[in-house]
Structures are given as C-alpha cells and as structure tokens.
Protein backbone atom coordinates (compact mmCIF):
# COMPACT_ATOMS: atom_id res chain seq x y z
CA GLN A 1 37.35 85.80 -22.56
CA VAL A 2 34.51 87.15 -24.65
CA GLN A 3 33.39 85.70 -27.96
CA LEU A 4 31.23 87.47 -30.53
CA VAL A 5 29.18 85.88 -33.30
CA GLU A 6 27.61 88.08 -35.97
CA SER A 7 24.78 87.27 -38.33
CA GLY A 8 22.34 88.99 -40.66
CA GLY A 9 24.44 90.28 -43.52
CA GLY A 10 23.57 89.77 -47.16
CA LEU A 11 22.62 91.37 -50.45
CA VAL A 12 19.92 94.03 -50.52
CA GLN A 13 18.69 96.57 -53.05
CA PRO A 14 19.16 100.30 -52.48
CA GLY A 15 16.47 101.59 -50.14
CA GLY A 16 16.12 98.20 -48.49
CA SER A 17 16.72 97.09 -44.92
CA LEU A 18 18.82 94.58 -43.04
CA ARG A 19 19.26 93.75 -39.39
CA LEU A 20 22.59 92.59 -38.04
CA SER A 21 22.89 90.66 -34.79
CA CYS A 22 25.89 90.16 -32.54
CA ALA A 23 25.68 87.60 -29.76
CA ALA A 24 28.23 87.76 -26.95
CA SER A 25 29.29 84.82 -24.81
CA GLY A 26 31.91 84.10 -22.20
CA ASN A 27 32.81 86.71 -19.59
CA ILE A 28 30.02 89.08 -20.55
CA PHE A 29 30.23 90.96 -17.25
CA SER A 30 33.52 92.46 -18.42
CA ILE A 31 31.80 94.22 -21.33
CA ASP A 32 31.48 97.99 -21.01
CA GLY A 33 29.99 98.69 -24.42
CA MET A 34 29.43 97.16 -27.84
CA GLY A 35 29.42 98.55 -31.31
CA TRP A 36 29.57 98.06 -35.04
CA TYR A 37 32.35 99.08 -37.36
CA ARG A 38 32.58 98.63 -41.10
CA GLN A 39 35.32 98.42 -43.67
CA ALA A 40 34.82 98.90 -47.37
CA PRO A 41 37.43 97.76 -49.94
CA GLY A 42 40.38 100.14 -49.96
CA LYS A 43 39.12 102.12 -46.99
CA GLN A 44 39.88 102.24 -43.30
CA ARG A 45 37.64 100.61 -40.75
CA GLU A 46 35.18 103.15 -39.38
CA LEU A 47 32.76 103.33 -36.49
CA VAL A 48 29.12 102.92 -37.47
CA ALA A 49 27.41 102.92 -34.08
CA ASP A 50 28.01 101.93 -30.49
CA ILE A 51 26.03 101.49 -27.31
CA THR A 52 26.98 101.35 -23.65
CA ILE A 53 26.02 98.32 -21.60
CA THR A 54 24.51 100.30 -18.76
CA SER A 55 21.01 101.13 -17.66
CA ARG A 56 21.14 104.32 -19.76
CA SER A 57 22.20 102.59 -23.01
CA SER A 58 23.89 105.66 -24.43
CA THR A 59 24.31 105.46 -28.19
CA ASN A 60 26.61 107.06 -30.71
CA TYR A 61 26.33 107.09 -34.52
CA ALA A 62 28.47 108.05 -37.46
CA ASP A 63 27.03 111.08 -39.25
CA SER A 64 26.63 109.04 -42.43
CA VAL A 65 24.14 106.66 -40.82
CA LYS A 66 22.21 108.94 -38.45
CA GLY A 67 18.49 108.67 -39.04
CA ARG A 68 18.87 105.44 -41.01
CA PHE A 69 20.55 102.99 -38.63
CA THR A 70 19.55 102.09 -35.09
CA ILE A 71 21.65 100.19 -32.57
CA SER A 72 19.92 98.39 -29.73
CA ARG A 73 20.57 95.65 -27.21
CA ASP A 74 18.82 92.74 -25.57
CA ASN A 75 20.60 92.15 -22.29
CA ALA A 76 18.70 88.95 -21.58
CA LYS A 77 20.17 87.45 -24.76
CA ASN A 78 23.53 89.25 -24.56
CA THR A 79 22.89 90.45 -28.07
CA VAL A 80 23.30 93.75 -29.86
CA PHE A 81 21.43 94.60 -33.05
CA LEU A 82 22.00 97.04 -35.86
CA GLN A 83 18.84 97.87 -37.79
CA MET A 84 19.81 99.36 -41.13
CA ASN A 85 17.14 101.12 -43.18
CA SER A 86 17.26 103.13 -46.40
CA LEU A 87 20.46 101.38 -47.36
CA LYS A 88 22.70 102.97 -49.95
CA PRO A 89 25.41 101.47 -52.19
CA GLU A 90 27.99 103.32 -50.11
CA ASP A 91 26.93 101.25 -47.10
CA THR A 92 28.47 98.21 -48.78
CA ALA A 93 31.20 96.87 -46.50
CA VAL A 94 32.16 94.13 -44.11
CA TYR A 95 30.52 94.92 -40.80
CA TYR A 96 32.31 93.97 -37.60
CA CYS A 97 30.88 93.73 -34.12
CA THR A 98 33.14 94.77 -31.27
CA ALA A 99 32.96 94.61 -27.50
CA ARG A 100 34.74 97.17 -25.35
CA LEU A 101 36.09 95.49 -22.23
CA ARG A 102 36.90 97.12 -18.90
CA ALA A 103 40.32 95.64 -18.34
CA SER A 104 41.63 94.45 -21.70
CA LEU A 105 41.74 95.13 -25.41
CA PRO A 106 38.51 95.16 -27.44
CA VAL A 107 37.22 91.93 -28.90
CA TRP A 108 36.10 91.64 -32.53
CA GLY A 109 33.73 89.38 -34.37
CA GLN A 110 34.56 87.68 -37.63
CA GLY A 111 32.66 90.18 -39.77
CA THR A 112 29.61 89.90 -41.98
CA GLN A 113 29.30 91.16 -45.55
CA VAL A 114 26.64 93.71 -46.42
CA THR A 115 26.20 94.46 -50.12
CA VAL A 116 23.79 97.11 -51.35
CA SER A 117 23.27 96.80 -55.07
CA SER A 118 20.55 96.66 -57.67
C-alpha cells in the first residue's frame, strides 16, 4: 500500500506563486511515477504534470502550465513538488497528487485547494 499526503495549497493573487508538496509512504518501491492533476468546479480532472521515478526523471506538462509550473522530486524524502509561478485565476482548482504503481491501480491523495484571486 502507498499513502500520499499533500500540502501547500491556499489563496494567492494573480501572478503569485505556490509550491505544493506530496509525501509518499508505505510501499514506495512499487511507485513508477508521480504526478499532479487538478479539477475545477464543473470540469473534468486533468493532468497538470507528472514525473517518472527513475534516474532520468522524465517530466510531462499540460500545455496550459508549460513555462509556469515545475515538477520535481526529492527521492530521499519520497516527496514530489509542484512549483507554480505566474498563477492565473484559471489555475483555481483542487489539486490532487497521484502515484502510478507497477502492479496495481494508481493511488490518489486527498486533494488541496488552490485559489487564485485578487
């Protein structure tokens, strides 16, 4: 079993920054990759960014966040981060951390609210 705990959401003004953290625990050696999704009211959940848990740390971003968001990982702390800069009102959503496992369904965190508003 893998458990995920997110932190770092909140209220920020347009143009501001936030950093989300996602700490994994449990059977971390079963994790193939981790990522962040978001879901705004009335919309489907969408991929924001993901990263492989390999020596290469391949990353993937949604077009809407390229150049503004950066996903990274700290293997020693089993933690993945999402640095969000130049935030826009349309970035407002609940952000979910997910872990892609080798032999079972993905695991999701509880979600953290990000609100971009003046």
